[in-house]
PDB file of N, CA and C in Angstrom:
ATOM      1  N   UNK A   1      18.151   1.636 -23.285  1.00  0.00           N
ATOM      2  CA  UNK A   1      17.064   2.380 -22.690  1.00  0.00           C
ATOM      3  C   UNK A   1      17.076   2.168 -21.177  1.00  0.00           C
ATOM      4  N   UNK A   2      17.034   3.249 -20.445  1.00  0.00           N
ATOM      5  CA  UNK A   2      16.998   3.157 -18.991  1.00  0.00           C
ATOM      6  C   UNK A   2      15.664   3.686 -18.483  1.00  0.00           C
ATOM      7  N   UNK A   3      15.224   3.100 -17.420  1.00  0.00           N
ATOM      8  CA  UNK A   3      13.990   3.541 -16.783  1.00  0.00           C
ATOM      9  C   UNK A   3      14.360   4.296 -15.523  1.00  0.00           C
ATOM     10  N   UNK A   4      13.873   5.519 -15.430  1.00  0.00           N
ATOM     11  CA  UNK A   4      14.121   6.321 -14.235  1.00  0.00           C
ATOM     12  C   UNK A   4      12.839   6.361 -13.413  1.00  0.00           C
ATOM     13  N   UNK A   5      12.959   6.034 -12.160  1.00  0.00           N
ATOM     14  CA  UNK A   5      11.820   6.058 -11.252  1.00  0.00           C
ATOM     15  C   UNK A   5      11.560   7.509 -10.875  1.00  0.00           C
ATOM     16  N   UNK A   6      10.329   7.959 -11.116  1.00  0.00           N
ATOM     17  CA  UNK A   6       9.985   9.356 -10.845  1.00  0.00           C
ATOM     18  C   UNK A   6       9.813   9.622  -9.354  1.00  0.00           C
ATOM     19  N   UNK A   7       9.251   8.664  -8.643  1.00  0.00           N
ATOM     20  CA  UNK A   7       8.969   8.842  -7.215  1.00  0.00           C
ATOM     21  C   UNK A   7       9.587   7.715  -6.416  1.00  0.00           C
ATOM     22  N   UNK A   8      10.286   8.053  -5.368  1.00  0.00           N
ATOM     23  CA  UNK A   8      10.865   7.039  -4.488  1.00  0.00           C
ATOM     24  C   UNK A   8       9.780   6.302  -3.706  1.00  0.00           C
ATOM     25  N   UNK A   9       8.577   6.888  -3.615  1.00  0.00           N
ATOM     26  CA  UNK A   9       7.499   6.283  -2.850  1.00  0.00           C
ATOM     27  C   UNK A   9       6.970   5.003  -3.513  1.00  0.00           C
ATOM     28  N   UNK A  10       6.955   4.961  -4.848  1.00  0.00           N
ATOM     29  CA  UNK A  10       6.397   3.796  -5.540  1.00  0.00           C
ATOM     30  C   UNK A  10       7.186   2.511  -5.269  1.00  0.00           C
ATOM     31  N   UNK A  11       8.528   2.519  -5.360  1.00  0.00           N
ATOM     32  CA  UNK A  11       9.257   1.289  -4.995  1.00  0.00           C
ATOM     33  C   UNK A  11       9.030   0.865  -3.540  1.00  0.00           C
ATOM     34  N   UNK A  12       8.881   1.833  -2.640  1.00  0.00           N
ATOM     35  CA  UNK A  12       8.591   1.472  -1.245  1.00  0.00           C
ATOM     36  C   UNK A  12       7.210   0.822  -1.121  1.00  0.00           C
ATOM     37  N   UNK A  13       6.249   1.306  -1.899  1.00  0.00           N
ATOM     38  CA  UNK A  13       4.919   0.677  -1.892  1.00  0.00           C
ATOM     39  C   UNK A  13       4.971  -0.736  -2.467  1.00  0.00           C
ATOM     40  N   UNK A  14       5.817  -0.953  -3.464  1.00  0.00           N
ATOM     41  CA  UNK A  14       5.995  -2.311  -4.008  1.00  0.00           C
ATOM     42  C   UNK A  14       6.523  -3.223  -2.910  1.00  0.00           C
ATOM     43  N   UNK A  15       7.548  -2.765  -2.201  1.00  0.00           N
ATOM     44  CA  UNK A  15       8.128  -3.557  -1.114  1.00  0.00           C
ATOM     45  C   UNK A  15       7.088  -3.808  -0.020  1.00  0.00           C
ATOM     46  N   UNK A  16       6.327  -2.788   0.337  1.00  0.00           N
ATOM     47  CA  UNK A  16       5.289  -2.947   1.367  1.00  0.00           C
ATOM     48  C   UNK A  16       4.238  -3.965   0.928  1.00  0.00           C
ATOM     49  N   UNK A  17       3.835  -3.905  -0.333  1.00  0.00           N
ATOM     50  CA  UNK A  17       2.864  -4.871  -0.848  1.00  0.00           C
ATOM     51  C   UNK A  17       3.403  -6.291  -0.823  1.00  0.00           C
ATOM     52  N   UNK A  18       4.653  -6.454  -1.235  1.00  0.00           N
ATOM     53  CA  UNK A  18       5.263  -7.790  -1.208  1.00  0.00           C
ATOM     54  C   UNK A  18       5.419  -8.288   0.223  1.00  0.00           C
ATOM     55  N   UNK A  19       5.744  -7.371   1.150  1.00  0.00           N
ATOM     56  CA  UNK A  19       5.811  -7.750   2.557  1.00  0.00           C
ATOM     57  C   UNK A  19       4.446  -8.259   3.029  1.00  0.00           C
ATOM     58  N   UNK A  20       3.375  -7.556   2.652  1.00  0.00           N
ATOM     59  CA  UNK A  20       2.038  -7.992   3.067  1.00  0.00           C
ATOM     60  C   UNK A  20       1.749  -9.400   2.564  1.00  0.00           C
ATOM     61  N   UNK A  21       2.155  -9.697   1.331  1.00  0.00           N
ATOM     62  CA  UNK A  21       1.928 -11.038   0.778  1.00  0.00           C
ATOM     63  C   UNK A  21       2.671 -12.085   1.608  1.00  0.00           C
ATOM     64  N   UNK A  22       3.891 -11.784   2.016  1.00  0.00           N
ATOM     65  CA  UNK A  22       4.711 -12.743   2.769  1.00  0.00           C
ATOM     66  C   UNK A  22       4.412 -12.754   4.272  1.00  0.00           C
ATOM     67  N   UNK A  23       3.807 -11.699   4.780  1.00  0.00           N
ATOM     68  CA  UNK A  23       3.665 -11.531   6.227  1.00  0.00           C
ATOM     69  C   UNK A  23       2.869 -12.624   6.953  1.00  0.00           C
ATOM     70  N   UNK A  24       1.847 -13.244   6.351  1.00  0.00           N
ATOM     71  CA  UNK A  24       1.161 -14.296   7.108  1.00  0.00           C
ATOM     72  C   UNK A  24       2.092 -15.436   7.533  1.00  0.00           C
ATOM     73  N   UNK A  25       3.080 -15.738   6.697  1.00  0.00           N
ATOM     74  CA  UNK A  25       4.020 -16.800   7.020  1.00  0.00           C
ATOM     75  C   UNK A  25       5.155 -16.273   7.896  1.00  0.00           C
ATOM     76  N   UNK A  26       5.602 -15.063   7.624  1.00  0.00           N
ATOM     77  CA  UNK A  26       6.693 -14.476   8.412  1.00  0.00           C
ATOM     78  C   UNK A  26       6.257 -14.184   9.846  1.00  0.00           C
ATOM     79  N   UNK A  27       4.991 -13.800  10.023  1.00  0.00           N
ATOM     80  CA  UNK A  27       4.486 -13.454  11.356  1.00  0.00           C
ATOM     81  C   UNK A  27       3.598 -14.548  11.955  1.00  0.00           C
ATOM     82  N   UNK A  28       3.549 -15.691  11.296  1.00  0.00           N
ATOM     83  CA  UNK A  28       2.864 -16.896  11.796  1.00  0.00           C
ATOM     84  C   UNK A  28       1.368 -16.730  12.032  1.00  0.00           C
ATOM     85  N   UNK A  29       0.681 -16.120  11.065  1.00  0.00           N
ATOM     86  CA  UNK A  29      -0.776 -16.109  11.141  1.00  0.00           C
ATOM     87  C   UNK A  29      -1.421 -16.673   9.874  1.00  0.00           C
ATOM     88  N   UNK A  30      -0.668 -17.480   9.138  1.00  0.00           N
ATOM     89  CA  UNK A  30      -1.172 -18.073   7.897  1.00  0.00           C
ATOM     90  C   UNK A  30      -2.314 -19.052   8.123  1.00  0.00           C
ATOM     91  N   UNK A  31      -2.443 -19.584   9.325  1.00  0.00           N
ATOM     92  CA  UNK A  31      -3.529 -20.526   9.622  1.00  0.00           C
ATOM     93  C   UNK A  31      -4.872 -19.820   9.811  1.00  0.00           C
ATOM     94  N   UNK A  32      -4.846 -18.522   9.930  1.00  0.00           N
ATOM     95  CA  UNK A  32      -6.079 -17.733  10.098  1.00  0.00           C
ATOM     96  C   UNK A  32      -6.522 -17.219   8.726  1.00  0.00           C
ATOM     97  N   UNK A  33      -7.612 -17.731   8.173  1.00  0.00           N
ATOM     98  CA  UNK A  33      -7.962 -17.420   6.787  1.00  0.00           C
ATOM     99  C   UNK A  33      -8.260 -15.944   6.492  1.00  0.00           C
ATOM    100  N   UNK A  34      -9.002 -15.273   7.328  1.00  0.00           N
ATOM    101  CA  UNK A  34      -9.363 -13.880   7.020  1.00  0.00           C
ATOM    102  C   UNK A  34      -8.152 -12.959   6.943  1.00  0.00           C
ATOM    103  N   UNK A  35      -7.311 -12.900   7.972  1.00  0.00           N
ATOM    104  CA  UNK A  35      -6.156 -12.013   7.856  1.00  0.00           C
ATOM    105  C   UNK A  35      -5.155 -12.481   6.805  1.00  0.00           C
ATOM    106  N   UNK A  36      -5.045 -13.799   6.621  1.00  0.00           N
ATOM    107  CA  UNK A  36      -4.104 -14.311   5.632  1.00  0.00           C
ATOM    108  C   UNK A  36      -4.522 -13.888   4.228  1.00  0.00           C
ATOM    109  N   UNK A  37      -5.767 -14.132   3.849  1.00  0.00           N
ATOM    110  CA  UNK A  37      -6.218 -13.768   2.503  1.00  0.00           C
ATOM    111  C   UNK A  37      -6.266 -12.262   2.321  1.00  0.00           C
ATOM    112  N   UNK A  38      -6.610 -11.536   3.347  1.00  0.00           N
ATOM    113  CA  UNK A  38      -6.586 -10.082   3.286  1.00  0.00           C
ATOM    114  C   UNK A  38      -5.176  -9.600   2.957  1.00  0.00           C
ATOM    115  N   UNK A  39      -4.189 -10.123   3.670  1.00  0.00           N
ATOM    116  CA  UNK A  39      -2.802  -9.715   3.446  1.00  0.00           C
ATOM    117  C   UNK A  39      -2.329 -10.085   2.043  1.00  0.00           C
ATOM    118  N   UNK A  40      -2.636 -11.283   1.602  1.00  0.00           N
ATOM    119  CA  UNK A  40      -2.171 -11.745   0.292  1.00  0.00           C
ATOM    120  C   UNK A  40      -2.822 -10.953  -0.840  1.00  0.00           C
ATOM    121  N   UNK A  41      -4.133 -10.812  -0.791  1.00  0.00           N
ATOM    122  CA  UNK A  41      -4.847 -10.141  -1.882  1.00  0.00           C
ATOM    123  C   UNK A  41      -4.546  -8.643  -1.910  1.00  0.00           C
ATOM    124  N   UNK A  42      -4.674  -7.992  -0.767  1.00  0.00           N
ATOM    125  CA  UNK A  42      -4.447  -6.542  -0.734  1.00  0.00           C
ATOM    126  C   UNK A  42      -2.969  -6.232  -0.963  1.00  0.00           C
ATOM    127  N   UNK A  43      -2.081  -7.034  -0.407  1.00  0.00           N
ATOM    128  CA  UNK A  43      -0.655  -6.835  -0.644  1.00  0.00           C
ATOM    129  C   UNK A  43      -0.293  -6.954  -2.112  1.00  0.00           C
ATOM    130  N   UNK A  44      -0.844  -7.969  -2.785  1.00  0.00           N
ATOM    131  CA  UNK A  44      -0.577  -8.138  -4.218  1.00  0.00           C
ATOM    132  C   UNK A  44      -1.129  -6.960  -5.016  1.00  0.00           C
ATOM    133  N   UNK A  45      -2.313  -6.492  -4.671  1.00  0.00           N
ATOM    134  CA  UNK A  45      -2.881  -5.334  -5.365  1.00  0.00           C
ATOM    135  C   UNK A  45      -2.035  -4.085  -5.165  1.00  0.00           C
ATOM    136  N   UNK A  46      -1.573  -3.851  -3.949  1.00  0.00           N
ATOM    137  CA  UNK A  46      -0.715  -2.690  -3.675  1.00  0.00           C
ATOM    138  C   UNK A  46       0.552  -2.763  -4.510  1.00  0.00           C
ATOM    139  N   UNK A  47       1.202  -3.926  -4.514  1.00  0.00           N
ATOM    140  CA  UNK A  47       2.447  -4.086  -5.267  1.00  0.00           C
ATOM    141  C   UNK A  47       2.215  -3.896  -6.765  1.00  0.00           C
ATOM    142  N   UNK A  48       1.139  -4.459  -7.287  1.00  0.00           N
ATOM    143  CA  UNK A  48       0.851  -4.330  -8.725  1.00  0.00           C
ATOM    144  C   UNK A  48       0.536  -2.894  -9.123  1.00  0.00           C
ATOM    145  N   UNK A  49      -0.270  -2.222  -8.334  1.00  0.00           N
ATOM    146  CA  UNK A  49      -0.610  -0.827  -8.624  1.00  0.00           C
ATOM    147  C   UNK A  49       0.641   0.046  -8.561  1.00  0.00           C
ATOM    148  N   UNK A  50       1.462  -0.154  -7.551  1.00  0.00           N
ATOM    149  CA  UNK A  50       2.690   0.638  -7.410  1.00  0.00           C
ATOM    150  C   UNK A  50       3.672   0.330  -8.538  1.00  0.00           C
ATOM    151  N   UNK A  51       3.771  -0.930  -8.932  1.00  0.00           N
ATOM    152  CA  UNK A  51       4.650  -1.295 -10.042  1.00  0.00           C
ATOM    153  C   UNK A  51       4.196  -0.617 -11.323  1.00  0.00           C
ATOM    154  N   UNK A  52       2.912  -0.631 -11.560  1.00  0.00           N
ATOM    155  CA  UNK A  52       2.374   0.029 -12.743  1.00  0.00           C
ATOM    156  C   UNK A  52       2.610   1.543 -12.679  1.00  0.00           C
ATOM    157  N   UNK A  53       2.505   2.124 -11.487  1.00  0.00           N
ATOM    158  CA  UNK A  53       2.734   3.567 -11.324  1.00  0.00           C
ATOM    159  C   UNK A  53       4.187   3.947 -11.596  1.00  0.00           C
ATOM    160  N   UNK A  54       5.108   3.026 -11.398  1.00  0.00           N
ATOM    161  CA  UNK A  54       6.509   3.298 -11.716  1.00  0.00           C
ATOM    162  C   UNK A  54       6.657   3.587 -13.207  1.00  0.00           C
ATOM    163  N   UNK A  55       5.918   2.852 -14.031  1.00  0.00           N
ATOM    164  CA  UNK A  55       6.045   2.977 -15.477  1.00  0.00           C
ATOM    165  C   UNK A  55       5.089   3.985 -16.096  1.00  0.00           C
ATOM    166  N   UNK A  56       3.941   4.187 -15.478  1.00  0.00           N
ATOM    167  CA  UNK A  56       2.950   5.115 -16.019  1.00  0.00           C
ATOM    168  C   UNK A  56       2.185   5.757 -14.855  1.00  0.00           C
ATOM    169  N   UNK A  57       2.605   6.945 -14.507  1.00  0.00           N
ATOM    170  CA  UNK A  57       2.023   7.638 -13.364  1.00  0.00           C
ATOM    171  C   UNK A  57       0.693   8.278 -13.740  1.00  0.00           C
ATOM    172  N   UNK A  58      -0.331   7.932 -12.995  1.00  0.00           N
ATOM    173  CA  UNK A  58      -1.628   8.602 -13.099  1.00  0.00           C
ATOM    174  C   UNK A  58      -2.205   8.721 -11.689  1.00  0.00           C
ATOM    175  N   UNK A  59      -3.070   9.681 -11.527  1.00  0.00           N
ATOM    176  CA  UNK A  59      -3.638   9.938 -10.199  1.00  0.00           C
ATOM    177  C   UNK A  59      -4.433   8.745  -9.674  1.00  0.00           C
ATOM    178  N   UNK A  60      -5.164   8.065 -10.540  1.00  0.00           N
ATOM    179  CA  UNK A  60      -6.021   6.989 -10.049  1.00  0.00           C
ATOM    180  C   UNK A  60      -5.206   5.870  -9.416  1.00  0.00           C
ATOM    181  N   UNK A  61      -3.996   5.631  -9.894  1.00  0.00           N
ATOM    182  CA  UNK A  61      -3.168   4.580  -9.297  1.00  0.00           C
ATOM    183  C   UNK A  61      -2.743   4.965  -7.877  1.00  0.00           C
ATOM    184  N   UNK A  62      -2.401   6.218  -7.712  1.00  0.00           N
ATOM    185  CA  UNK A  62      -2.032   6.673  -6.375  1.00  0.00           C
ATOM    186  C   UNK A  62      -3.248   6.657  -5.446  1.00  0.00           C
ATOM    187  N   UNK A  63      -4.399   7.102  -5.958  1.00  0.00           N
ATOM    188  CA  UNK A  63      -5.618   7.060  -5.147  1.00  0.00           C
ATOM    189  C   UNK A  63      -6.003   5.621  -4.813  1.00  0.00           C
ATOM    190  N   UNK A  64      -5.783   4.700  -5.756  1.00  0.00           N
ATOM    191  CA  UNK A  64      -6.082   3.285  -5.485  1.00  0.00           C
ATOM    192  C   UNK A  64      -5.258   2.784  -4.309  1.00  0.00           C
ATOM    193  N   UNK A  65      -3.982   3.157  -4.260  1.00  0.00           N
ATOM    194  CA  UNK A  65      -3.166   2.708  -3.129  1.00  0.00           C
ATOM    195  C   UNK A  65      -3.517   3.435  -1.841  1.00  0.00           C
ATOM    196  N   UNK A  66      -3.990   4.666  -1.922  1.00  0.00           N
ATOM    197  CA  UNK A  66      -4.495   5.339  -0.719  1.00  0.00           C
ATOM    198  C   UNK A  66      -5.685   4.545  -0.177  1.00  0.00           C
ATOM    199  N   UNK A  67      -6.606   4.181  -1.046  1.00  0.00           N
ATOM    200  CA  UNK A  67      -7.791   3.422  -0.626  1.00  0.00           C
ATOM    201  C   UNK A  67      -7.398   2.048  -0.078  1.00  0.00           C
ATOM    202  N   UNK A  68      -6.469   1.359  -0.753  1.00  0.00           N
ATOM    203  CA  UNK A  68      -6.023   0.056  -0.259  1.00  0.00           C
ATOM    204  C   UNK A  68      -5.331   0.190   1.099  1.00  0.00           C
ATOM    205  N   UNK A  69      -4.567   1.247   1.282  1.00  0.00           N
ATOM    206  CA  UNK A  69      -3.926   1.490   2.572  1.00  0.00           C
ATOM    207  C   UNK A  69      -4.947   1.737   3.670  1.00  0.00           C
ATOM    208  N   UNK A  70      -5.955   2.543   3.374  1.00  0.00           N
ATOM    209  CA  UNK A  70      -7.016   2.805   4.360  1.00  0.00           C
ATOM    210  C   UNK A  70      -7.778   1.514   4.662  1.00  0.00           C
ATOM    211  N   UNK A  71      -8.008   0.693   3.643  1.00  0.00           N
ATOM    212  CA  UNK A  71      -8.655  -0.600   3.875  1.00  0.00           C
ATOM    213  C   UNK A  71      -7.834  -1.441   4.856  1.00  0.00           C
ATOM    214  N   UNK A  72      -6.512  -1.500   4.634  1.00  0.00           N
ATOM    215  CA  UNK A  72      -5.675  -2.281   5.542  1.00  0.00           C
ATOM    216  C   UNK A  72      -5.782  -1.772   6.977  1.00  0.00           C
ATOM    217  N   UNK A  73      -5.825  -0.457   7.143  1.00  0.00           N
ATOM    218  CA  UNK A  73      -5.942   0.115   8.484  1.00  0.00           C
ATOM    219  C   UNK A  73      -7.242  -0.339   9.157  1.00  0.00           C
ATOM    220  N   UNK A  74      -8.328  -0.337   8.422  1.00  0.00           N
ATOM    221  CA  UNK A  74      -9.642  -0.678   8.986  1.00  0.00           C
ATOM    222  C   UNK A  74      -9.927  -2.178   9.001  1.00  0.00           C
ATOM    223  N   UNK A  75      -9.249  -2.949   8.193  1.00  0.00           N
ATOM    224  CA  UNK A  75      -9.587  -4.363   8.004  1.00  0.00           C
ATOM    225  C   UNK A  75      -9.544  -5.228   9.267  1.00  0.00           C
ATOM    226  N   UNK A  76      -8.660  -5.004  10.226  1.00  0.00           N
ATOM    227  CA  UNK A  76      -8.716  -5.870  11.412  1.00  0.00           C
ATOM    228  C   UNK A  76     -10.066  -5.821  12.142  1.00  0.00           C
ATOM    229  N   UNK A  77     -10.700  -4.668  12.144  1.00  0.00           N
ATOM    230  CA  UNK A  77     -11.992  -4.526  12.817  1.00  0.00           C
ATOM    231  C   UNK A  77     -13.143  -4.947  11.905  1.00  0.00           C
ATOM    232  N   UNK A  78     -13.038  -4.633  10.632  1.00  0.00           N
ATOM    233  CA  UNK A  78     -14.097  -5.008   9.691  1.00  0.00           C
ATOM    234  C   UNK A  78     -14.144  -6.522   9.505  1.00  0.00           C
ATOM    235  N   UNK A  79     -12.977  -7.151   9.377  1.00  0.00           N
ATOM    236  CA  UNK A  79     -12.923  -8.602   9.156  1.00  0.00           C
ATOM    237  C   UNK A  79     -12.837  -9.402  10.447  1.00  0.00           C
ATOM    238  N   UNK A  80     -12.725  -8.720  11.585  1.00  0.00           N
ATOM    239  CA  UNK A  80     -12.772  -9.391  12.868  1.00  0.00           C
ATOM    240  C   UNK A  80     -11.496 -10.094  13.306  1.00  0.00           C
ATOM    241  N   UNK A  81     -10.342  -9.562  12.950  1.00  0.00           N
ATOM    242  CA  UNK A  81      -9.109 -10.171  13.439  1.00  0.00           C
ATOM    243  C   UNK A  81      -8.269  -9.193  14.263  1.00  0.00           C
ATOM    244  N   UNK A  82      -8.927  -8.227  14.881  1.00  0.00           N
ATOM    245  CA  UNK A  82      -8.206  -7.252  15.706  1.00  0.00           C
ATOM    246  C   UNK A  82      -7.558  -7.900  16.931  1.00  0.00           C
ATOM    247  N   UNK A  83      -8.027  -9.062  17.329  1.00  0.00           N
ATOM    248  CA  UNK A  83      -7.439  -9.777  18.457  1.00  0.00           C
ATOM    249  C   UNK A  83      -6.143 -10.490  18.118  1.00  0.00           C
ATOM    250  N   UNK A  84      -5.861 -10.674  16.833  1.00  0.00           N
ATOM    251  CA  UNK A  84      -4.593 -11.276  16.409  1.00  0.00           C
ATOM    252  C   UNK A  84      -3.570 -10.152  16.279  1.00  0.00           C
ATOM    253  N   UNK A  85      -2.831  -9.949  17.335  1.00  0.00           N
ATOM    254  CA  UNK A  85      -1.968  -8.773  17.450  1.00  0.00           C
ATOM    255  C   UNK A  85      -1.028  -8.597  16.267  1.00  0.00           C
ATOM    256  N   UNK A  86      -0.314  -9.633  15.885  1.00  0.00           N
ATOM    257  CA  UNK A  86       0.669  -9.513  14.803  1.00  0.00           C
ATOM    258  C   UNK A  86      -0.012  -9.135  13.490  1.00  0.00           C
ATOM    259  N   UNK A  87      -1.105  -9.799  13.168  1.00  0.00           N
ATOM    260  CA  UNK A  87      -1.804  -9.526  11.913  1.00  0.00           C
ATOM    261  C   UNK A  87      -2.418  -8.131  11.918  1.00  0.00           C
ATOM    262  N   UNK A  88      -3.041  -7.752  13.008  1.00  0.00           N
ATOM    263  CA  UNK A  88      -3.691  -6.443  13.094  1.00  0.00           C
ATOM    264  C   UNK A  88      -2.666  -5.316  13.064  1.00  0.00           C
ATOM    265  N   UNK A  89      -1.629  -5.438  13.859  1.00  0.00           N
ATOM    266  CA  UNK A  89      -0.586  -4.415  13.914  1.00  0.00           C
ATOM    267  C   UNK A  89       0.074  -4.259  12.544  1.00  0.00           C
ATOM    268  N   UNK A  90       0.376  -5.371  11.904  1.00  0.00           N
ATOM    269  CA  UNK A  90       0.994  -5.354  10.579  1.00  0.00           C
ATOM    270  C   UNK A  90       0.094  -4.656   9.566  1.00  0.00           C
ATOM    271  N   UNK A  91      -1.181  -4.991   9.563  1.00  0.00           N
ATOM    272  CA  UNK A  91      -2.115  -4.383   8.609  1.00  0.00           C
ATOM    273  C   UNK A  91      -2.213  -2.876   8.824  1.00  0.00           C
ATOM    274  N   UNK A  92      -2.298  -2.450  10.068  1.00  0.00           N
ATOM    275  CA  UNK A  92      -2.421  -1.019  10.366  1.00  0.00           C
ATOM    276  C   UNK A  92      -1.154  -0.265   9.969  1.00  0.00           C
ATOM    277  N   UNK A  93       0.009  -0.791  10.326  1.00  0.00           N
ATOM    278  CA  UNK A  93       1.269  -0.108  10.022  1.00  0.00           C
ATOM    279  C   UNK A  93       1.518  -0.049   8.519  1.00  0.00           C
ATOM    280  N   UNK A  94       1.371  -1.173   7.834  1.00  0.00           N
ATOM    281  CA  UNK A  94       1.605  -1.185   6.386  1.00  0.00           C
ATOM    282  C   UNK A  94       0.551  -0.339   5.672  1.00  0.00           C
ATOM    283  N   UNK A  95      -0.684  -0.421   6.111  1.00  0.00           N
ATOM    284  CA  UNK A  95      -1.736   0.392   5.511  1.00  0.00           C
ATOM    285  C   UNK A  95      -1.457   1.878   5.649  1.00  0.00           C
ATOM    286  N   UNK A  96      -1.039   2.292   6.833  1.00  0.00           N
ATOM    287  CA  UNK A  96      -0.717   3.704   7.054  1.00  0.00           C
ATOM    288  C   UNK A  96       0.463   4.134   6.186  1.00  0.00           C
ATOM    289  N   UNK A  97       1.470   3.282   6.082  1.00  0.00           N
ATOM    290  CA  UNK A  97       2.636   3.595   5.259  1.00  0.00           C
ATOM    291  C   UNK A  97       2.256   3.760   3.793  1.00  0.00           C
ATOM    292  N   UNK A  98       1.507   2.815   3.257  1.00  0.00           N
ATOM    293  CA  UNK A  98       1.104   2.860   1.851  1.00  0.00           C
ATOM    294  C   UNK A  98       0.215   4.069   1.581  1.00  0.00           C
ATOM    295  N   UNK A  99      -0.753   4.311   2.442  1.00  0.00           N
ATOM    296  CA  UNK A  99      -1.643   5.462   2.248  1.00  0.00           C
ATOM    297  C   UNK A  99      -0.859   6.767   2.299  1.00  0.00           C
ATOM    298  N   UNK A 100       0.042   6.882   3.261  1.00  0.00           N
ATOM    299  CA  UNK A 100       0.846   8.096   3.398  1.00  0.00           C
ATOM    300  C   UNK A 100       1.763   8.301   2.195  1.00  0.00           C
ATOM    301  N   UNK A 101       2.471   7.264   1.778  1.00  0.00           N
ATOM    302  CA  UNK A 101       3.377   7.389   0.633  1.00  0.00           C
ATOM    303  C   UNK A 101       2.625   7.769  -0.637  1.00  0.00           C
ATOM    304  N   UNK A 102       1.500   7.131  -0.881  1.00  0.00           N
ATOM    305  CA  UNK A 102       0.722   7.421  -2.090  1.00  0.00           C
ATOM    306  C   UNK A 102       0.119   8.821  -2.027  1.00  0.00           C
ATOM    307  N   UNK A 103      -0.332   9.220  -0.852  1.00  0.00           N
ATOM    308  CA  UNK A 103      -0.880  10.562  -0.680  1.00  0.00           C
ATOM    309  C   UNK A 103       0.204  11.617  -0.890  1.00  0.00           C
ATOM    310  N   UNK A 104       1.431  11.312  -0.460  1.00  0.00           N
ATOM    311  CA  UNK A 104       2.548  12.237  -0.681  1.00  0.00           C
ATOM    312  C   UNK A 104       2.765  12.495  -2.170  1.00  0.00           C
ATOM    313  N   UNK A 105       2.683  11.448  -2.976  1.00  0.00           N
ATOM    314  CA  UNK A 105       2.839  11.615  -4.427  1.00  0.00           C
ATOM    315  C   UNK A 105       1.731  12.512  -4.960  1.00  0.00           C
ATOM    316  N   UNK A 106       0.508  12.246  -4.548  1.00  0.00           N
ATOM    317  CA  UNK A 106      -0.621  13.065  -4.998  1.00  0.00           C
ATOM    318  C   UNK A 106      -0.466  14.523  -4.580  1.00  0.00           C
ATOM    319  N   UNK A 107       0.069  14.731  -3.404  1.00  0.00           N
ATOM    320  CA  UNK A 107       0.185  16.084  -2.875  1.00  0.00           C
ATOM    321  C   UNK A 107       1.337  16.874  -3.473  1.00  0.00           C
ATOM    322  N   UNK A 108       2.368  16.193  -3.949  1.00  0.00           N
ATOM    323  CA  UNK A 108       3.569  16.908  -4.375  1.00  0.00           C
ATOM    324  C   UNK A 108       3.844  16.886  -5.873  1.00  0.00           C
ATOM    325  N   UNK A 109       3.261  15.974  -6.607  1.00  0.00           N
ATOM    326  CA  UNK A 109       3.529  15.894  -8.047  1.00  0.00           C
ATOM    327  C   UNK A 109       2.435  16.635  -8.818  1.00  0.00           C
ATOM    328  N   UNK A 110       2.803  17.705  -9.486  1.00  0.00           N
ATOM    329  CA  UNK A 110       1.804  18.523 -10.183  1.00  0.00           C
ATOM    330  C   UNK A 110       1.148  17.784 -11.347  1.00  0.00           C
ATOM    331  N   UNK A 111       1.761  16.679 -11.809  1.00  0.00           N
ATOM    332  CA  UNK A 111       1.160  15.894 -12.892  1.00  0.00           C
ATOM    333  C   UNK A 111      -0.065  15.103 -12.434  1.00  0.00           C
ATOM    334  N   UNK A 112      -0.212  14.891 -11.128  1.00  0.00           N
ATOM    335  CA  UNK A 112      -1.349  14.113 -10.614  1.00  0.00           C
ATOM    336  C   UNK A 112      -2.120  14.843  -9.520  1.00  0.00           C
ATOM    337  N   UNK A 113      -1.945  16.110  -9.425  1.00  0.00           N
ATOM    338  CA  UNK A 113      -2.633  16.896  -8.394  1.00  0.00           C
ATOM    339  C   UNK A 113      -1.707  17.967  -7.882  1.00  0.00           C
ATOM    340  N   UNK A 114      -0.812  17.557  -7.026  1.00  0.00           N
ATOM    341  CA  UNK A 114       0.279  18.404  -6.549  1.00  0.00           C
ATOM    342  C   UNK A 114      -0.117  19.706  -5.894  1.00  0.00           C
ATOM    343  N   UNK A 115      -1.112  19.689  -5.045  1.00  0.00           N
ATOM    344  CA  UNK A 115      -1.538  20.923  -4.409  1.00  0.00           C
ATOM    345  C   UNK A 115      -0.488  21.484  -3.465  1.00  0.00           C
ATOM    346  N   UNK A 116       0.537  20.689  -3.100  1.00  0.00           N
ATOM    347  CA  UNK A 116       1.629  21.194  -2.273  1.00  0.00           C
ATOM    348  C   UNK A 116       2.918  21.388  -3.076  1.00  0.00           C
ATOM    349  N   UNK A 117       2.848  21.218  -4.382  1.00  0.00           N
ATOM    350  CA  UNK A 117       4.061  21.368  -5.196  1.00  0.00           C
ATOM    351  C   UNK A 117       4.433  22.832  -5.348  1.00  0.00           C
ATOM    352  N   UNK A 118       5.684  23.093  -5.626  1.00  0.00           N
ATOM    353  CA  UNK A 118       6.179  24.456  -5.778  1.00  0.00           C
ATOM    354  C   UNK A 118       5.556  25.148  -6.994  1.00  0.00           C
ATOM    355  N   UNK A 119       5.040  24.395  -7.936  1.00  0.00           N
ATOM    356  CA  UNK A 119       4.464  24.977  -9.150  1.00  0.00           C
ATOM    357  C   UNK A 119       3.129  25.662  -8.898  1.00  0.00           C
ATOM    358  N   UNK A 120       2.485  25.369  -7.763  1.00  0.00           N
ATOM    359  CA  UNK A 120       1.177  25.992  -7.483  1.00  0.00           C
ATOM    360  C   UNK A 120       1.317  27.206  -6.656  1.00  0.00           C
TER     361      UNK A 120
END
């Protein structure tokens, strides 16, 4: 039995989520609790949701990653770590990537919305 990945965006979201989990140590902001826990928790959620979407695609999983991506974009200001350049920049870039990739799936796959798919 082979598993075929339906969307190339989901594996990229898994990688982005795993990067977020590792980023506090890779970018040296692990000593700062708010951005560190934000990266670890939200990164793990992104990776888990995307992994699950690889095996069972539903719209709510893609929307969940859109919301998590938007949270990452806003989190430096909401949690007060916008002054930590590496952590803030990382959260915004990864958040935008995850939100965009997940939104692309929603926009193009007619099984979960697909308002831009050729079938509509």
